[in-house]
Amino acid sequence: MAELVPPEVVTVETFHDPADPPDTYMFAEERAMVESAVNKRKREFATTRSCARKALSTLGHLPAPLLADRRGAPQWPEGVSGSLTHCHSYRAAAVAVTPHVASIGIDAEPNSSLPEGVLDNIALPAERELVRRLLLMLPDVRWDRLLFSAKESVFKAWYPLTRRELGFDEALIDIDPRARTISAKLLVPPPMIGGTPLDGFTGRWGAESGFLATAICVPGDACSPARHRSPGPARSR
């Protein structure tokens, strides 16, 4: 993940959960959030927050609960932007100070095909054609899954700036297989960030050790007056 973000972003990742029970490395407030969850969910929840606390410590923050809003987005300390991700056998956190990075979105996925029918539900016609072409060119990368990952990273970068939902059909993703970059063109009215409309996002993608990863970082000169807008209806992610 560190290769996909600028140097001012701190990343911590792991391919293993600690051997200790997850309750032992969560704060009481965090344990309450996943009290009724199965053990697998508790472990991924606890380990990503452990990664986040390690990353935050490099920015001078003491260990503290990392809670979530009503739609599950992490509530970072004042002056910090960040993002979490987890998938099978992988957990990661990325954080930065907001004068440098206004918003971050990271996502990791297994390098395997999406379940049947999912691509049609999350992709626009132009994106489905892009995936078709890329699979013919470079079949070792599951481009349908990478497209999904890119949309997740875009959403994670968008939401803290707007507190509004963004549907899968409201951003058009492009993927450059050679430069390993991604871009997203917003198909909804853009938020005004620092007096400038933010009409899209750019980022990077990677593939390694059976995983795919994407990352979006919004530069810190995109200040955040839109953070104070009212949230829209929640969507599970």
Protein backbone atom coordinates (compact mmCIF):
# COMPACT_ATOMS: atom_id res chain seq x y z
CA MET A 1 0.00 0.00 0.00
CA ALA A 2 2.86 2.40 0.75
CA GLU A 3 3.85 2.34 -2.94
CA LEU A 4 0.40 3.67 -3.95
CA VAL A 5 0.29 6.81 -1.79
CA PRO A 6 2.44 9.97 -1.55
CA PRO A 7 5.24 10.04 1.07
CA GLU A 8 3.26 12.22 3.47
CA VAL A 9 0.77 9.37 3.95
CA VAL A 10 1.66 6.83 6.65
CA THR A 11 0.58 3.25 5.97
CA VAL A 12 0.59 0.18 8.20
CA GLU A 13 -0.43 -3.21 6.85
CA THR A 14 -0.44 -6.81 8.00
CA PHE A 15 -1.23 -10.20 6.54
CA HIS A 16 -2.04 -11.76 9.91
CA ASP A 17 -4.33 -11.12 12.85
CA PRO A 18 -2.68 -11.26 16.30
CA ALA A 19 -2.92 -14.57 18.09
CA ASP A 20 -4.54 -12.92 21.11
CA PRO A 21 -8.35 -12.75 21.29
CA PRO A 22 -9.52 -9.57 19.50
CA ASP A 23 -11.14 -8.20 22.68
CA THR A 24 -7.66 -7.80 24.19
CA TYR A 25 -6.54 -5.20 21.62
CA MET A 26 -9.73 -3.16 21.35
CA PHE A 27 -10.96 -0.35 23.57
CA ALA A 28 -14.23 -0.93 25.43
CA GLU A 29 -16.06 1.47 23.09
CA GLU A 30 -14.83 -0.54 20.10
CA ARG A 31 -15.78 -3.86 21.66
CA ALA A 32 -19.30 -2.53 22.10
CA MET A 33 -19.52 -1.77 18.37
CA VAL A 34 -18.90 -5.41 17.40
CA GLU A 35 -20.27 -7.12 20.49
CA SER A 36 -22.73 -9.25 18.51
CA ALA A 37 -20.42 -9.87 15.52
CA VAL A 38 -18.88 -13.23 14.65
CA ASN A 39 -15.25 -13.78 15.61
CA LYS A 40 -13.99 -13.23 12.04
CA ARG A 41 -15.58 -9.77 11.93
CA LYS A 42 -14.21 -8.93 15.37
CA ARG A 43 -10.69 -9.89 14.28
CA GLU A 44 -10.68 -7.84 11.08
CA PHE A 45 -12.24 -4.89 12.93
CA ALA A 46 -9.68 -5.08 15.74
CA THR A 47 -6.65 -5.60 13.51
CA THR A 48 -7.43 -2.71 11.17
CA ARG A 49 -7.77 -0.45 14.21
CA SER A 50 -4.50 -1.75 15.58
CA CYS A 51 -2.90 -0.82 12.24
CA ALA A 52 -4.54 2.61 12.45
CA ARG A 53 -3.22 3.25 15.96
CA LYS A 54 0.31 2.32 14.88
CA ALA A 55 0.03 4.70 11.94
CA LEU A 56 -1.44 7.48 14.10
CA SER A 57 1.37 7.10 16.63
CA THR A 58 3.84 8.26 13.96
CA LEU A 59 1.79 11.48 13.74
CA GLY A 60 2.05 11.98 17.51
CA HIS A 61 -1.35 10.60 18.54
CA LEU A 62 -1.70 8.51 21.68
CA PRO A 63 -3.73 5.26 21.52
CA ALA A 64 -7.46 5.98 21.61
CA PRO A 65 -10.71 4.37 20.43
CA LEU A 66 -11.33 4.66 16.70
CA LEU A 67 -15.09 4.68 16.42
CA ALA A 68 -17.33 4.88 13.36
CA ASP A 69 -20.22 7.04 12.25
CA ARG A 70 -23.66 5.61 11.55
CA ARG A 71 -22.62 4.31 8.14
CA GLY A 72 -19.38 2.79 9.39
CA ALA A 73 -16.87 5.45 8.31
CA PRO A 74 -13.96 5.79 10.78
CA GLN A 75 -13.97 8.94 12.90
CA TRP A 76 -10.39 10.18 12.78
CA PRO A 77 -8.81 12.54 15.32
CA GLU A 78 -9.04 16.26 14.60
CA GLY A 79 -6.56 17.24 11.90
CA VAL A 80 -6.19 13.71 10.50
CA SER A 81 -7.47 12.12 7.29
CA GLY A 82 -7.39 8.38 6.89
CA SER A 83 -8.82 5.18 5.50
CA LEU A 84 -9.04 1.50 6.47
CA THR A 85 -9.37 -1.65 4.43
CA HIS A 86 -9.49 -5.37 5.03
CA CYS A 87 -10.03 -8.51 3.01
CA HIS A 88 -9.10 -12.15 3.45
CA SER A 89 -5.67 -12.26 5.18
CA TYR A 90 -4.95 -8.56 4.67
CA ARG A 91 -5.59 -5.45 6.78
CA ALA A 92 -4.27 -1.92 6.28
CA ALA A 93 -4.59 1.68 7.44
CA ALA A 94 -3.45 4.92 5.84
CA VAL A 95 -3.35 8.28 7.64
CA ALA A 96 -2.06 11.80 7.03
CA VAL A 97 -2.41 15.28 8.51
CA THR A 98 -5.08 17.36 6.81
CA PRO A 99 -2.88 20.31 5.90
CA HIS A 100 -1.15 17.88 3.53
CA VAL A 101 -3.89 15.42 2.53
CA ALA A 102 -7.57 16.37 2.71
CA SER A 103 -8.97 12.87 2.23
CA ILE A 104 -7.79 9.29 1.64
CA GLY A 105 -9.46 6.20 0.24
CA ILE A 106 -7.76 2.80 0.18
CA ASP A 107 -9.12 -0.62 -0.68
CA ALA A 108 -7.68 -4.13 -1.01
CA GLU A 109 -9.27 -7.15 -2.65
CA PRO A 110 -8.25 -10.69 -3.59
CA ASN A 111 -7.06 -11.00 -7.18
CA SER A 112 -10.04 -13.12 -8.14
CA SER A 113 -13.16 -12.64 -10.23
CA LEU A 114 -16.19 -10.93 -8.79
CA PRO A 115 -19.14 -13.23 -8.08
CA GLU A 116 -21.41 -13.73 -11.07
CA GLY A 117 -23.69 -10.78 -11.71
CA VAL A 118 -21.85 -8.29 -9.50
CA LEU A 119 -20.06 -6.53 -12.36
CA ASP A 120 -23.38 -5.73 -14.05
CA ASN A 121 -24.61 -4.20 -10.79
CA ILE A 122 -21.59 -1.97 -10.09
CA ALA A 123 -20.28 -1.03 -13.54
CA LEU A 124 -21.39 1.44 -16.18
CA PRO A 125 -21.44 0.23 -19.83
CA ALA A 126 -18.12 1.95 -20.61
CA GLU A 127 -16.55 0.34 -17.54
CA ARG A 128 -17.77 -3.13 -18.52
CA GLU A 129 -16.21 -2.63 -21.95
CA LEU A 130 -12.96 -1.49 -20.32
CA VAL A 131 -12.89 -4.61 -18.16
CA ARG A 132 -13.56 -6.82 -21.19
CA ARG A 133 -10.65 -5.30 -23.13
CA LEU A 134 -8.24 -5.43 -20.20
CA LEU A 135 -9.04 -9.07 -19.47
CA LEU A 136 -8.16 -9.93 -23.06
CA MET A 137 -4.89 -7.97 -22.87
CA LEU A 138 -3.69 -8.91 -19.37
CA PRO A 139 -5.69 -11.82 -17.94
CA ASP A 140 -3.46 -12.24 -14.88
CA VAL A 141 -5.16 -9.25 -13.28
CA ARG A 142 -8.84 -9.61 -12.45
CA TRP A 143 -9.89 -6.24 -13.80
CA ASP A 144 -13.51 -6.61 -12.70
CA ARG A 145 -12.35 -6.89 -9.09
CA LEU A 146 -9.91 -4.00 -9.58
CA LEU A 147 -12.75 -1.84 -10.91
CA PHE A 148 -14.75 -2.65 -7.77
CA SER A 149 -11.76 -1.75 -5.61
CA ALA A 150 -11.31 1.56 -7.40
CA LYS A 151 -14.96 2.45 -6.83
CA GLU A 152 -14.58 1.64 -3.14
CA SER A 153 -11.49 3.85 -2.83
CA VAL A 154 -13.26 6.69 -4.64
CA PHE A 155 -16.22 6.44 -2.26
CA LYS A 156 -13.96 6.40 0.79
CA ALA A 157 -12.19 9.55 -0.43
CA TRP A 158 -15.48 11.27 -1.39
CA TYR A 159 -17.50 10.62 1.76
CA PRO A 160 -15.41 12.52 4.35
CA LEU A 161 -15.42 15.59 2.09
CA THR A 162 -19.17 15.63 1.45
CA ARG A 163 -20.89 13.39 4.03
CA ARG A 164 -23.02 12.27 1.10
CA GLU A 165 -23.44 8.86 -0.46
CA LEU A 166 -22.04 8.15 -3.93
CA GLY A 167 -23.63 5.39 -6.00
CA PHE A 168 -21.62 2.97 -8.10
CA ASP A 169 -23.16 4.61 -11.19
CA GLU A 170 -22.24 8.15 -10.12
CA ALA A 171 -18.52 8.02 -10.95
CA LEU A 172 -16.94 6.77 -14.17
CA ILE A 173 -13.69 4.89 -13.56
CA ASP A 174 -10.78 4.64 -15.99
CA ILE A 175 -7.79 2.35 -15.41
CA ASP A 176 -4.38 2.67 -17.06
CA PRO A 177 -2.84 -0.82 -17.04
CA ARG A 178 0.69 0.38 -17.88
CA ALA A 179 1.04 3.43 -15.65
CA ARG A 180 -0.94 1.67 -12.91
CA THR A 181 -3.14 4.70 -12.35
CA ILE A 182 -6.86 5.11 -11.87
CA SER A 183 -9.10 8.10 -12.41
CA ALA A 184 -12.72 8.82 -11.62
CA LYS A 185 -14.97 11.39 -13.27
CA LEU A 186 -17.89 12.38 -11.08
CA LEU A 187 -21.28 12.15 -12.80
CA VAL A 188 -23.04 14.13 -10.07
CA PRO A 189 -22.68 17.82 -9.18
CA PRO A 190 -19.20 18.16 -7.67
CA PRO A 191 -18.63 19.41 -4.14
CA MET A 192 -17.01 22.81 -3.74
CA ILE A 193 -13.75 22.20 -1.91
CA GLY A 194 -11.78 25.29 -0.96
CA GLY A 195 -13.83 27.31 -3.45
CA THR A 196 -13.03 24.94 -6.33
CA PRO A 197 -15.30 22.20 -7.71
CA LEU A 198 -13.84 18.75 -7.15
CA ASP A 199 -15.08 16.95 -10.25
CA GLY A 200 -12.93 13.84 -10.07
CA PHE A 201 -10.24 11.81 -8.35
CA THR A 202 -6.93 10.28 -9.37
CA GLY A 203 -4.95 7.50 -7.75
CA ARG A 204 -2.90 4.38 -8.22
CA TRP A 205 -3.39 0.63 -8.23
CA GLY A 206 -1.17 -2.36 -7.55
CA ALA A 207 -1.20 -6.15 -7.76
CA GLU A 208 1.01 -8.35 -5.61
CA SER A 209 0.95 -11.62 -3.64
CA GLY A 210 -2.56 -12.50 -4.78
CA PHE A 211 -4.04 -9.14 -3.81
CA LEU A 212 -5.21 -6.04 -5.65
CA ALA A 213 -5.08 -2.60 -4.05
CA THR A 214 -6.17 0.91 -4.97
CA ALA A 215 -5.55 4.27 -3.32
CA ILE A 216 -6.94 7.78 -3.78
CA CYS A 217 -5.44 10.83 -2.04
CA VAL A 218 -7.01 14.29 -2.28
CA PRO A 219 -4.32 16.99 -1.92
CA GLY A 220 -4.44 19.12 1.19
CA ASP A 221 -5.11 22.34 -0.69
CA ALA A 222 -8.60 20.90 -1.18
CA CYS A 223 -9.83 22.20 2.16
CA SER A 224 -13.04 20.93 3.59
CA PRO A 225 -15.95 23.33 3.97
CA ALA A 226 -18.15 20.59 2.53
CA ARG A 227 -17.39 18.41 5.57
CA HIS A 228 -20.20 20.22 7.38
CA ARG A 229 -22.96 19.24 4.97
CA SER A 230 -25.71 17.01 6.28
CA PRO A 231 -25.19 13.30 5.63
CA GLY A 232 -27.39 11.48 3.18
CA PRO A 233 -28.94 8.05 3.62
CA ALA A 234 -26.52 5.41 4.77
CA ARG A 235 -25.24 2.64 2.53
CA SER A 236 -23.47 -0.43 3.85
CA ARG A 237 -19.87 -0.85 2.70
